[in-house]
Amino acid sequence: MMASCFCKKSYVRVLNTFNMPLDIQVNDILMGENLQSGEFTRYVKFPPSSYHVVMHSKGDLVFESDIDIDNNLTYTAVVSADDEDISDICILMVPEKKVHHMGSNMSALRLANLCPDEPEVVLSASDGTVLFSDIKYGKVSCNVAVPSGRYILHLRKPDGTEILEHSMDAAPYMHYTLFAAGSQNDNSVKIIVPEDGVNYLDLC
């Protein structure tokens, strides 16, 4: 008989990729205060339920909505530009996905496109291997297992034009989400790699 999961918890952190400092509150919990673009909070444990999110910037209300948190998951709640109006704010709930039975000396990578002026992006390694292609704005790829080690990664447009070069160390058995964020208009494009919570949080 398969064991059932009786865990009634999940974890959420917030990543701000919007070009505005934010105070972010989930119900009565202050998740982040004056959270700058590119910064992320620690994970907070939540029972699965629906929650009300309110965001202020310099005292002004700039966003208000509800989010749903499911059971036994880790999420990054990404504050980003709305895909229909990049001057407006949206929040994307990005659940993490763990690769089970990953081989020794392997790591798991995935890519999130949060660059509002890049409708699609491609990520490749320095040897030309394409890791992710056609990742549309606001979307997150599936995990790809790669040999652990140091990588020089190239974020490009679909026509091959390079947007950014990024180096990272991928440790064995670890999961990483690469959040490509920012705008080429102000040269703020960057890849943010906060370590995924599935690597160390107490989930079933």
N, C-alpha and C. Protein backbone atom coordinates (compact mmCIF):
# COMPACT_ATOMS: atom_id res chain seq x y z
N MET A 1 0.84 -1.18 0.00
CA MET A 1 0.00 0.00 0.00
C MET A 1 0.88 1.24 0.00
N MET A 2 0.58 2.19 -0.89
CA MET A 2 1.38 3.41 -0.98
C MET A 2 1.04 4.33 0.19
N ALA A 3 2.09 4.90 0.76
CA ALA A 3 1.89 5.83 1.87
C ALA A 3 1.30 7.14 1.36
N SER A 4 0.37 7.71 2.10
CA SER A 4 -0.23 8.99 1.73
C SER A 4 0.55 10.12 2.39
N CYS A 5 0.51 11.28 1.74
CA CYS A 5 1.16 12.46 2.31
C CYS A 5 0.16 13.23 3.15
N PHE A 6 0.49 13.42 4.42
CA PHE A 6 -0.39 14.15 5.31
C PHE A 6 0.19 15.54 5.65
N CYS A 7 1.20 15.96 4.90
CA CYS A 7 1.80 17.27 5.13
C CYS A 7 0.82 18.36 4.73
N LYS A 8 0.55 19.28 5.61
CA LYS A 8 -0.36 20.38 5.32
C LYS A 8 0.44 21.69 5.33
N LYS A 9 1.41 21.76 4.44
CA LYS A 9 2.24 22.96 4.38
C LYS A 9 2.82 23.12 2.99
N SER A 10 3.17 24.34 2.69
CA SER A 10 3.96 24.69 1.52
C SER A 10 4.83 25.88 1.89
N TYR A 11 5.71 26.26 0.97
CA TYR A 11 6.62 27.37 1.22
C TYR A 11 6.56 28.35 0.05
N VAL A 12 6.62 29.63 0.39
CA VAL A 12 6.56 30.69 -0.63
C VAL A 12 7.63 31.72 -0.34
N ARG A 13 8.32 32.14 -1.39
CA ARG A 13 9.19 33.31 -1.31
C ARG A 13 8.75 34.27 -2.42
N VAL A 14 9.18 35.52 -2.34
CA VAL A 14 8.82 36.52 -3.34
C VAL A 14 10.09 37.02 -4.01
N LEU A 15 10.06 37.10 -5.34
CA LEU A 15 11.13 37.68 -6.14
C LEU A 15 10.57 38.89 -6.86
N ASN A 16 11.19 40.04 -6.66
CA ASN A 16 10.75 41.27 -7.32
C ASN A 16 11.57 41.48 -8.60
N THR A 17 10.91 41.41 -9.76
CA THR A 17 11.58 41.73 -11.02
C THR A 17 10.99 42.99 -11.65
N PHE A 18 10.10 43.67 -10.93
CA PHE A 18 9.50 44.90 -11.42
C PHE A 18 10.39 46.08 -11.02
N ASN A 19 10.47 47.08 -11.88
CA ASN A 19 11.39 48.19 -11.66
C ASN A 19 10.82 49.20 -10.66
N MET A 20 10.62 48.70 -9.42
CA MET A 20 10.02 49.55 -8.39
C MET A 20 10.24 48.87 -7.04
N PRO A 21 10.66 49.62 -5.99
CA PRO A 21 10.77 49.01 -4.66
C PRO A 21 9.38 48.74 -4.10
N LEU A 22 9.23 47.59 -3.43
CA LEU A 22 7.91 47.16 -3.01
C LEU A 22 7.89 46.70 -1.55
N ASP A 23 6.79 47.03 -0.86
CA ASP A 23 6.43 46.39 0.40
C ASP A 23 5.34 45.38 0.06
N ILE A 24 5.56 44.12 0.42
CA ILE A 24 4.67 43.04 -0.01
C ILE A 24 4.11 42.33 1.20
N GLN A 25 2.79 42.26 1.29
CA GLN A 25 2.12 41.63 2.42
C GLN A 25 1.19 40.54 1.92
N VAL A 26 1.26 39.36 2.55
CA VAL A 26 0.37 38.24 2.26
C VAL A 26 -0.47 37.99 3.51
N ASN A 27 -1.79 38.26 3.39
CA ASN A 27 -2.66 38.32 4.58
C ASN A 27 -2.04 39.27 5.60
N ASP A 28 -1.71 38.79 6.78
CA ASP A 28 -1.12 39.69 7.79
C ASP A 28 0.39 39.52 7.91
N ILE A 29 1.01 38.83 6.95
CA ILE A 29 2.46 38.58 6.99
C ILE A 29 3.17 39.53 6.04
N LEU A 30 4.11 40.32 6.56
CA LEU A 30 4.93 41.19 5.74
C LEU A 30 6.06 40.36 5.15
N MET A 31 5.94 40.03 3.88
CA MET A 31 6.94 39.18 3.22
C MET A 31 8.21 39.95 2.88
N GLY A 32 8.06 41.19 2.44
CA GLY A 32 9.22 41.97 2.05
C GLY A 32 8.96 43.45 2.24
N GLU A 33 9.97 44.17 2.70
CA GLU A 33 9.86 45.61 2.90
C GLU A 33 10.93 46.31 2.08
N ASN A 34 10.51 47.25 1.24
CA ASN A 34 11.40 47.97 0.34
C ASN A 34 12.23 46.98 -0.49
N LEU A 35 11.55 45.95 -1.01
CA LEU A 35 12.22 44.92 -1.80
C LEU A 35 12.54 45.49 -3.18
N GLN A 36 13.83 45.57 -3.48
CA GLN A 36 14.27 46.17 -4.74
C GLN A 36 14.16 45.17 -5.89
N SER A 37 14.18 45.70 -7.11
CA SER A 37 14.17 44.84 -8.29
C SER A 37 15.40 43.94 -8.28
N GLY A 38 15.18 42.64 -8.47
CA GLY A 38 16.27 41.67 -8.43
C GLY A 38 16.47 41.02 -7.08
N GLU A 39 15.76 41.50 -6.05
CA GLU A 39 15.89 40.93 -4.71
C GLU A 39 14.77 39.94 -4.44
N PHE A 40 15.05 38.98 -3.55
CA PHE A 40 14.04 37.99 -3.19
C PHE A 40 14.04 37.79 -1.68
N THR A 41 12.90 37.33 -1.17
CA THR A 41 12.74 37.12 0.27
C THR A 41 13.14 35.70 0.64
N ARG A 42 13.15 35.43 1.92
CA ARG A 42 13.27 34.05 2.40
C ARG A 42 11.93 33.34 2.20
N TYR A 43 11.97 32.01 2.27
CA TYR A 43 10.73 31.24 2.20
C TYR A 43 9.96 31.39 3.52
N VAL A 44 8.65 31.45 3.38
CA VAL A 44 7.76 31.44 4.54
C VAL A 44 6.80 30.26 4.39
N LYS A 45 6.56 29.55 5.50
CA LYS A 45 5.68 28.38 5.47
C LYS A 45 4.22 28.83 5.52
N PHE A 46 3.40 28.24 4.64
CA PHE A 46 1.97 28.55 4.59
C PHE A 46 1.16 27.25 4.53
N PRO A 47 0.07 27.16 5.27
CA PRO A 47 -0.88 26.06 5.02
C PRO A 47 -1.53 26.28 3.65
N PRO A 48 -1.87 25.21 2.94
CA PRO A 48 -2.53 25.38 1.64
C PRO A 48 -3.88 26.09 1.79
N SER A 49 -4.07 27.14 1.01
CA SER A 49 -5.29 27.93 1.09
C SER A 49 -5.21 29.04 0.05
N SER A 50 -6.20 29.94 0.09
CA SER A 50 -6.19 31.15 -0.73
C SER A 50 -5.75 32.32 0.15
N TYR A 51 -4.90 33.20 -0.40
CA TYR A 51 -4.35 34.31 0.38
C TYR A 51 -4.49 35.61 -0.40
N HIS A 52 -4.57 36.70 0.38
CA HIS A 52 -4.71 38.03 -0.21
C HIS A 52 -3.35 38.72 -0.21
N VAL A 53 -2.93 39.21 -1.38
CA VAL A 53 -1.63 39.86 -1.54
C VAL A 53 -1.86 41.35 -1.79
N VAL A 54 -1.13 42.17 -1.04
CA VAL A 54 -1.19 43.62 -1.21
C VAL A 54 0.25 44.13 -1.35
N MET A 55 0.47 45.03 -2.32
CA MET A 55 1.79 45.62 -2.52
C MET A 55 1.68 47.14 -2.52
N HIS A 56 2.62 47.75 -1.82
CA HIS A 56 2.73 49.21 -1.80
C HIS A 56 4.13 49.61 -2.26
N SER A 57 4.23 50.77 -2.86
CA SER A 57 5.52 51.35 -3.19
C SER A 57 5.53 52.80 -2.73
N LYS A 58 6.44 53.07 -1.81
CA LYS A 58 6.55 54.42 -1.24
C LYS A 58 5.20 54.91 -0.68
N GLY A 59 4.47 53.97 -0.07
CA GLY A 59 3.21 54.30 0.58
C GLY A 59 1.98 54.21 -0.30
N ASP A 60 2.16 54.07 -1.61
CA ASP A 60 1.02 54.00 -2.53
C ASP A 60 0.67 52.55 -2.84
N LEU A 61 -0.62 52.23 -2.83
CA LEU A 61 -1.08 50.90 -3.22
C LEU A 61 -0.88 50.73 -4.72
N VAL A 62 -0.14 49.66 -5.12
CA VAL A 62 0.14 49.44 -6.54
C VAL A 62 -0.38 48.10 -7.04
N PHE A 63 -0.76 47.20 -6.11
CA PHE A 63 -1.24 45.88 -6.54
C PHE A 63 -2.03 45.25 -5.41
N GLU A 64 -3.10 44.53 -5.80
CA GLU A 64 -3.92 43.81 -4.83
C GLU A 64 -4.59 42.66 -5.56
N SER A 65 -4.43 41.44 -5.04
CA SER A 65 -5.03 40.27 -5.68
C SER A 65 -4.99 39.09 -4.72
N ASP A 66 -5.56 37.97 -5.13
CA ASP A 66 -5.53 36.74 -4.36
C ASP A 66 -4.65 35.71 -5.06
N ILE A 67 -4.01 34.86 -4.27
CA ILE A 67 -3.22 33.75 -4.80
C ILE A 67 -3.67 32.46 -4.12
N ASP A 68 -3.49 31.35 -4.80
CA ASP A 68 -3.80 30.04 -4.25
C ASP A 68 -2.50 29.28 -4.01
N ILE A 69 -2.38 28.70 -2.82
CA ILE A 69 -1.21 27.89 -2.46
C ILE A 69 -1.67 26.46 -2.25
N ASP A 70 -1.12 25.56 -3.04
CA ASP A 70 -1.48 24.15 -2.96
C ASP A 70 -0.64 23.46 -1.90
N ASN A 71 -0.84 22.16 -1.74
CA ASN A 71 -0.22 21.39 -0.67
C ASN A 71 1.14 20.82 -1.08
N ASN A 72 2.11 20.88 -0.15
CA ASN A 72 3.39 20.20 -0.30
C ASN A 72 4.18 20.68 -1.51
N LEU A 73 4.25 22.02 -1.67
CA LEU A 73 4.98 22.62 -2.78
C LEU A 73 5.83 23.78 -2.28
N THR A 74 6.84 24.12 -3.06
CA THR A 74 7.58 25.36 -2.86
C THR A 74 7.31 26.26 -4.07
N TYR A 75 7.06 27.54 -3.79
CA TYR A 75 6.74 28.50 -4.84
C TYR A 75 7.70 29.69 -4.78
N THR A 76 7.98 30.25 -5.94
CA THR A 76 8.51 31.60 -6.03
C THR A 76 7.40 32.46 -6.60
N ALA A 77 6.94 33.42 -5.82
CA ALA A 77 5.94 34.38 -6.30
C ALA A 77 6.69 35.52 -6.95
N VAL A 78 6.65 35.55 -8.28
CA VAL A 78 7.44 36.53 -9.03
C VAL A 78 6.59 37.76 -9.33
N VAL A 79 7.04 38.91 -8.86
CA VAL A 79 6.40 40.18 -9.20
C VAL A 79 7.02 40.67 -10.50
N SER A 80 6.17 40.82 -11.52
CA SER A 80 6.69 41.13 -12.84
C SER A 80 5.76 42.09 -13.56
N ALA A 81 6.16 42.46 -14.79
CA ALA A 81 5.31 43.31 -15.62
C ALA A 81 4.25 42.47 -16.29
N ASP A 82 3.04 42.99 -16.35
CA ASP A 82 1.95 42.29 -17.02
C ASP A 82 2.24 42.15 -18.50
N ASP A 83 1.94 40.96 -19.06
CA ASP A 83 2.28 40.73 -20.47
C ASP A 83 1.42 41.54 -21.44
N GLU A 84 0.29 42.08 -20.97
CA GLU A 84 -0.56 42.90 -21.83
C GLU A 84 -0.30 44.39 -21.64
N ASP A 85 0.29 44.76 -20.50
CA ASP A 85 0.60 46.16 -20.22
C ASP A 85 1.81 46.18 -19.30
N ILE A 86 3.00 46.37 -19.89
CA ILE A 86 4.23 46.23 -19.11
C ILE A 86 4.41 47.33 -18.07
N SER A 87 3.54 48.36 -18.10
CA SER A 87 3.59 49.37 -17.05
C SER A 87 2.81 48.94 -15.81
N ASP A 88 2.07 47.83 -15.94
CA ASP A 88 1.26 47.31 -14.84
C ASP A 88 1.97 46.12 -14.19
N ILE A 89 1.58 45.81 -12.96
CA ILE A 89 2.20 44.73 -12.19
C ILE A 89 1.33 43.47 -12.25
N CYS A 90 1.99 42.33 -12.30
CA CYS A 90 1.29 41.05 -12.11
C CYS A 90 2.14 40.21 -11.16
N ILE A 91 1.56 39.13 -10.68
CA ILE A 91 2.30 38.19 -9.84
C ILE A 91 2.15 36.81 -10.44
N LEU A 92 3.28 36.13 -10.64
CA LEU A 92 3.31 34.79 -11.23
C LEU A 92 3.72 33.80 -10.15
N MET A 93 2.87 32.83 -9.88
CA MET A 93 3.19 31.79 -8.91
C MET A 93 3.92 30.67 -9.62
N VAL A 94 5.21 30.52 -9.33
CA VAL A 94 6.06 29.55 -10.01
C VAL A 94 6.37 28.41 -9.05
N PRO A 95 5.69 27.26 -9.18
CA PRO A 95 6.01 26.12 -8.32
C PRO A 95 7.31 25.46 -8.77
N GLU A 96 8.08 25.00 -7.81
CA GLU A 96 9.32 24.30 -8.14
C GLU A 96 9.02 22.82 -8.39
N LYS A 97 9.82 22.23 -9.24
CA LYS A 97 9.63 20.82 -9.59
C LYS A 97 10.94 20.08 -9.36
N LYS A 98 10.84 19.00 -8.61
CA LYS A 98 12.04 18.23 -8.28
C LYS A 98 12.21 17.06 -9.22
N VAL A 99 13.44 16.84 -9.68
CA VAL A 99 13.76 15.68 -10.50
C VAL A 99 14.16 14.55 -9.56
N HIS A 100 13.34 13.52 -9.52
CA HIS A 100 13.67 12.36 -8.69
C HIS A 100 14.55 11.39 -9.48
N HIS A 101 15.34 10.64 -8.80
CA HIS A 101 16.23 9.65 -9.42
C HIS A 101 17.24 10.31 -10.36
N MET A 102 17.73 11.51 -9.96
CA MET A 102 18.76 12.17 -10.75
C MET A 102 20.09 11.47 -10.51
N GLY A 103 20.84 11.25 -11.58
CA GLY A 103 22.10 10.53 -11.48
C GLY A 103 23.15 11.31 -10.70
N SER A 104 24.19 10.60 -10.29
CA SER A 104 25.27 11.24 -9.55
C SER A 104 25.99 12.24 -10.46
N ASN A 105 26.49 13.30 -9.83
CA ASN A 105 27.18 14.37 -10.55
C ASN A 105 26.33 15.01 -11.63
N MET A 106 25.02 15.10 -11.37
CA MET A 106 24.10 15.79 -12.27
C MET A 106 23.38 16.90 -11.49
N SER A 107 22.98 17.93 -12.22
CA SER A 107 22.21 19.04 -11.66
C SER A 107 20.99 19.27 -12.53
N ALA A 108 20.01 19.99 -11.99
CA ALA A 108 18.79 20.28 -12.75
C ALA A 108 18.66 21.80 -12.91
N LEU A 109 18.46 22.23 -14.16
CA LEU A 109 18.27 23.65 -14.47
C LEU A 109 16.93 23.85 -15.15
N ARG A 110 16.35 25.02 -14.96
CA ARG A 110 15.22 25.46 -15.76
C ARG A 110 15.27 26.97 -15.90
N LEU A 111 14.59 27.50 -16.90
CA LEU A 111 14.69 28.91 -17.24
C LEU A 111 13.32 29.57 -17.20
N ALA A 112 13.25 30.75 -16.57
CA ALA A 112 12.04 31.57 -16.56
C ALA A 112 12.33 32.86 -17.31
N ASN A 113 11.50 33.20 -18.29
CA ASN A 113 11.67 34.44 -19.05
C ASN A 113 10.81 35.54 -18.43
N LEU A 114 11.47 36.50 -17.78
CA LEU A 114 10.78 37.61 -17.14
C LEU A 114 11.29 38.95 -17.68
N CYS A 115 11.75 38.93 -18.94
CA CYS A 115 12.20 40.15 -19.62
C CYS A 115 11.04 40.66 -20.47
N PRO A 116 10.37 41.73 -20.07
CA PRO A 116 9.14 42.15 -20.74
C PRO A 116 9.31 42.55 -22.21
N ASP A 117 10.53 42.96 -22.62
CA ASP A 117 10.72 43.30 -24.02
C ASP A 117 11.36 42.18 -24.83
N GLU A 118 11.36 40.96 -24.26
CA GLU A 118 11.86 39.78 -24.97
C GLU A 118 10.76 38.73 -25.02
N PRO A 119 9.94 38.72 -26.08
CA PRO A 119 8.81 37.77 -26.13
C PRO A 119 9.24 36.31 -26.14
N GLU A 120 10.47 36.01 -26.61
CA GLU A 120 11.00 34.66 -26.57
C GLU A 120 12.51 34.73 -26.36
N VAL A 121 13.05 33.77 -25.61
CA VAL A 121 14.50 33.71 -25.40
C VAL A 121 14.99 32.29 -25.56
N VAL A 122 16.30 32.19 -25.80
CA VAL A 122 17.00 30.91 -25.94
C VAL A 122 18.19 30.96 -25.00
N LEU A 123 18.49 29.84 -24.32
CA LEU A 123 19.66 29.76 -23.46
C LEU A 123 20.53 28.60 -23.92
N SER A 124 21.82 28.88 -24.13
CA SER A 124 22.74 27.84 -24.57
C SER A 124 24.01 27.88 -23.75
N ALA A 125 24.72 26.75 -23.76
CA ALA A 125 26.01 26.67 -23.09
C ALA A 125 27.10 27.19 -24.03
N SER A 126 28.32 27.39 -23.48
CA SER A 126 29.39 27.97 -24.27
C SER A 126 29.84 27.06 -25.40
N ASP A 127 29.55 25.75 -25.31
CA ASP A 127 29.91 24.84 -26.40
C ASP A 127 28.86 24.81 -27.50
N GLY A 128 27.83 25.64 -27.38
CA GLY A 128 26.80 25.72 -28.40
C GLY A 128 25.57 24.87 -28.11
N THR A 129 25.63 24.04 -27.06
CA THR A 129 24.47 23.21 -26.72
C THR A 129 23.29 24.08 -26.29
N VAL A 130 22.17 23.93 -26.97
CA VAL A 130 20.97 24.69 -26.61
C VAL A 130 20.27 23.98 -25.47
N LEU A 131 20.16 24.65 -24.34
CA LEU A 131 19.51 24.07 -23.16
C LEU A 131 18.01 24.33 -23.18
N PHE A 132 17.63 25.57 -23.56
CA PHE A 132 16.22 25.95 -23.60
C PHE A 132 15.99 26.84 -24.82
N SER A 133 14.88 26.62 -25.49
CA SER A 133 14.57 27.45 -26.65
C SER A 133 13.09 27.82 -26.62
N ASP A 134 12.77 28.95 -27.25
CA ASP A 134 11.39 29.41 -27.40
C ASP A 134 10.68 29.56 -26.06
N ILE A 135 11.39 30.05 -25.05
CA ILE A 135 10.76 30.30 -23.75
C ILE A 135 10.12 31.67 -23.81
N LYS A 136 8.81 31.69 -23.82
CA LYS A 136 8.06 32.94 -23.99
C LYS A 136 8.02 33.74 -22.68
N TYR A 137 7.76 35.04 -22.83
CA TYR A 137 7.69 35.91 -21.66
C TYR A 137 6.61 35.42 -20.69
N GLY A 138 6.99 35.34 -19.40
CA GLY A 138 6.07 34.88 -18.37
C GLY A 138 5.98 33.38 -18.23
N LYS A 139 6.79 32.65 -18.99
CA LYS A 139 6.75 31.19 -18.95
C LYS A 139 8.03 30.62 -18.34
N VAL A 140 7.91 29.38 -17.84
CA VAL A 140 9.03 28.69 -17.21
C VAL A 140 9.20 27.34 -17.90
N SER A 141 10.43 26.99 -18.22
CA SER A 141 10.71 25.72 -18.88
C SER A 141 10.59 24.55 -17.91
N CYS A 142 10.64 23.37 -18.45
CA CYS A 142 10.79 22.16 -17.63
C CYS A 142 12.25 22.04 -17.19
N ASN A 143 12.50 21.18 -16.23
CA ASN A 143 13.87 20.92 -15.79
C ASN A 143 14.64 20.18 -16.87
N VAL A 144 15.92 20.53 -16.98
CA VAL A 144 16.85 19.79 -17.82
C VAL A 144 18.01 19.34 -16.95
N ALA A 145 18.34 18.06 -16.99
CA ALA A 145 19.45 17.53 -16.21
C ALA A 145 20.75 17.73 -16.99
N VAL A 146 21.75 18.31 -16.32
CA VAL A 146 23.05 18.57 -16.95
C VAL A 146 24.15 18.08 -16.01
N PRO A 147 25.32 17.76 -16.56
CA PRO A 147 26.44 17.40 -15.68
C PRO A 147 26.79 18.56 -14.77
N SER A 148 27.06 18.27 -13.52
CA SER A 148 27.42 19.31 -12.58
C SER A 148 28.75 19.95 -12.99
N GLY A 149 28.91 21.23 -12.62
CA GLY A 149 30.15 21.93 -12.95
C GLY A 149 29.91 23.39 -13.22
N ARG A 150 30.93 24.05 -13.74
CA ARG A 150 30.84 25.49 -14.03
C ARG A 150 30.40 25.69 -15.47
N TYR A 151 29.47 26.62 -15.66
CA TYR A 151 28.92 26.88 -16.99
C TYR A 151 29.02 28.38 -17.32
N ILE A 152 29.33 28.65 -18.58
CA ILE A 152 29.16 29.98 -19.15
C ILE A 152 27.93 29.88 -20.04
N LEU A 153 26.88 30.59 -19.67
CA LEU A 153 25.59 30.49 -20.35
C LEU A 153 25.35 31.76 -21.17
N HIS A 154 24.67 31.57 -22.31
CA HIS A 154 24.40 32.68 -23.21
C HIS A 154 22.89 32.79 -23.43
N LEU A 155 22.34 33.92 -23.01
CA LEU A 155 20.93 34.21 -23.24
C LEU A 155 20.82 34.97 -24.55
N ARG A 156 19.98 34.47 -25.47
CA ARG A 156 19.91 35.06 -26.81
C ARG A 156 18.46 35.22 -27.25
N LYS A 157 18.30 36.08 -28.25
CA LYS A 157 17.04 36.17 -28.98
C LYS A 157 16.94 34.96 -29.92
N PRO A 158 15.74 34.64 -30.41
CA PRO A 158 15.61 33.51 -31.34
C PRO A 158 16.47 33.63 -32.60
N ASP A 159 16.80 34.88 -33.03
CA ASP A 159 17.63 35.05 -34.23
C ASP A 159 19.12 34.91 -33.94
N GLY A 160 19.48 34.61 -32.68
CA GLY A 160 20.88 34.41 -32.31
C GLY A 160 21.55 35.61 -31.69
N THR A 161 20.90 36.77 -31.70
CA THR A 161 21.49 37.97 -31.08
C THR A 161 21.66 37.76 -29.58
N GLU A 162 22.89 37.98 -29.12
CA GLU A 162 23.15 37.74 -27.69
C GLU A 162 22.59 38.87 -26.84
N ILE A 163 21.93 38.49 -25.75
CA ILE A 163 21.39 39.44 -24.78
C ILE A 163 22.31 39.55 -23.58
N LEU A 164 22.81 38.40 -23.13
CA LEU A 164 23.56 38.39 -21.86
C LEU A 164 24.39 37.12 -21.77
N GLU A 165 25.56 37.25 -21.13
CA GLU A 165 26.38 36.09 -20.76
C GLU A 165 26.37 35.96 -19.25
N HIS A 166 26.23 34.73 -18.77
CA HIS A 166 26.12 34.51 -17.33
C HIS A 166 26.90 33.25 -16.95
N SER A 167 27.68 33.33 -15.89
CA SER A 167 28.42 32.15 -15.41
C SER A 167 27.80 31.66 -14.11
N MET A 168 27.80 30.34 -13.93
CA MET A 168 27.26 29.76 -12.70
C MET A 168 27.92 28.42 -12.42
N ASP A 169 27.92 28.04 -11.15
CA ASP A 169 28.39 26.73 -10.72
C ASP A 169 27.17 25.89 -10.34
N ALA A 170 27.03 24.75 -10.99
CA ALA A 170 25.91 23.84 -10.72
C ALA A 170 26.43 22.66 -9.88
N ALA A 171 25.98 22.58 -8.64
CA ALA A 171 26.45 21.54 -7.72
C ALA A 171 25.67 20.25 -7.94
N PRO A 172 26.26 19.10 -7.63
CA PRO A 172 25.58 17.81 -7.82
C PRO A 172 24.28 17.73 -7.03
N TYR A 173 23.27 17.14 -7.66
CA TYR A 173 21.95 16.87 -7.07
C TYR A 173 21.14 18.14 -6.79
N MET A 174 21.63 19.30 -7.18
CA MET A 174 20.94 20.55 -6.85
C MET A 174 20.05 21.00 -8.01
N HIS A 175 18.96 21.71 -7.63
CA HIS A 175 18.01 22.27 -8.59
C HIS A 175 18.14 23.79 -8.61
N TYR A 176 18.12 24.36 -9.82
CA TYR A 176 18.26 25.80 -9.97
C TYR A 176 17.22 26.30 -10.98
N THR A 177 16.55 27.40 -10.62
CA THR A 177 15.72 28.12 -11.59
C THR A 177 16.44 29.41 -11.95
N LEU A 178 16.67 29.62 -13.23
CA LEU A 178 17.36 30.81 -13.72
C LEU A 178 16.29 31.81 -14.16
N PHE A 179 16.14 32.87 -13.39
CA PHE A 179 15.14 33.89 -13.69
C PHE A 179 15.81 34.98 -14.53
N ALA A 180 15.51 35.02 -15.83
CA ALA A 180 16.01 36.09 -16.69
C ALA A 180 15.06 37.28 -16.55
N ALA A 181 15.57 38.40 -16.06
CA ALA A 181 14.71 39.55 -15.74
C ALA A 181 15.38 40.84 -16.18
N GLY A 182 14.58 41.89 -16.28
CA GLY A 182 15.09 43.20 -16.65
C GLY A 182 14.78 43.55 -18.09
N SER A 183 15.27 44.69 -18.52
CA SER A 183 14.96 45.22 -19.86
C SER A 183 16.23 45.65 -20.56
N GLN A 184 16.29 45.38 -21.87
CA GLN A 184 17.42 45.87 -22.65
C GLN A 184 17.37 47.37 -22.85
N ASN A 185 16.19 47.95 -22.73
CA ASN A 185 16.04 49.39 -22.92
C ASN A 185 16.89 50.19 -21.93
N ASP A 186 17.04 49.66 -20.72
CA ASP A 186 17.86 50.37 -19.72
C ASP A 186 19.06 49.53 -19.28
N ASN A 187 19.40 48.51 -20.10
CA ASN A 187 20.57 47.65 -19.82
C ASN A 187 20.50 46.99 -18.45
N SER A 188 19.28 46.61 -18.04
CA SER A 188 19.12 46.01 -16.70
C SER A 188 18.92 44.49 -16.75
N VAL A 189 19.09 43.87 -17.92
CA VAL A 189 18.86 42.43 -18.02
C VAL A 189 19.89 41.69 -17.18
N LYS A 190 19.41 40.74 -16.40
CA LYS A 190 20.28 39.91 -15.57
C LYS A 190 19.64 38.55 -15.39
N ILE A 191 20.44 37.58 -14.97
CA ILE A 191 19.92 36.26 -14.61
C ILE A 191 20.08 36.10 -13.10
N ILE A 192 18.98 35.89 -12.42
CA ILE A 192 18.95 35.75 -10.96
C ILE A 192 18.78 34.28 -10.64
N VAL A 193 19.66 33.74 -9.81
CA VAL A 193 19.61 32.30 -9.51
C VAL A 193 19.57 32.08 -8.00
N PRO A 194 18.42 32.31 -7.37
CA PRO A 194 18.29 31.91 -5.96
C PRO A 194 18.11 30.39 -5.89
N GLU A 195 18.82 29.75 -5.00
CA GLU A 195 18.77 28.29 -4.92
C GLU A 195 17.34 27.80 -4.64
N ASP A 196 16.87 26.82 -5.40
CA ASP A 196 15.52 26.32 -5.24
C ASP A 196 15.31 25.69 -3.86
N GLY A 197 14.16 25.95 -3.29
CA GLY A 197 13.84 25.43 -1.97
C GLY A 197 13.71 23.92 -1.91
N VAL A 198 13.41 23.28 -3.05
CA VAL A 198 13.30 21.82 -3.04
C VAL A 198 14.60 21.15 -2.67
N ASN A 199 15.70 21.91 -2.71
CA ASN A 199 17.02 21.34 -2.34
C ASN A 199 17.15 21.10 -0.84
N TYR A 200 16.37 21.85 -0.03
CA TYR A 200 16.64 21.77 1.41
C TYR A 200 15.41 21.89 2.32
N LEU A 201 14.25 22.28 1.79
CA LEU A 201 13.07 22.41 2.65
C LEU A 201 12.43 21.06 2.94
N ASP A 202 11.75 20.97 4.07
CA ASP A 202 11.21 19.69 4.53
C ASP A 202 9.85 19.41 3.90
N LEU A 203 9.89 18.93 2.67
CA LEU A 203 8.69 18.49 1.96
C LEU A 203 8.68 16.97 1.89
N CYS A 204 7.49 16.42 1.63
CA CYS A 204 7.37 14.96 1.51
C CYS A 204 7.92 14.49 0.15
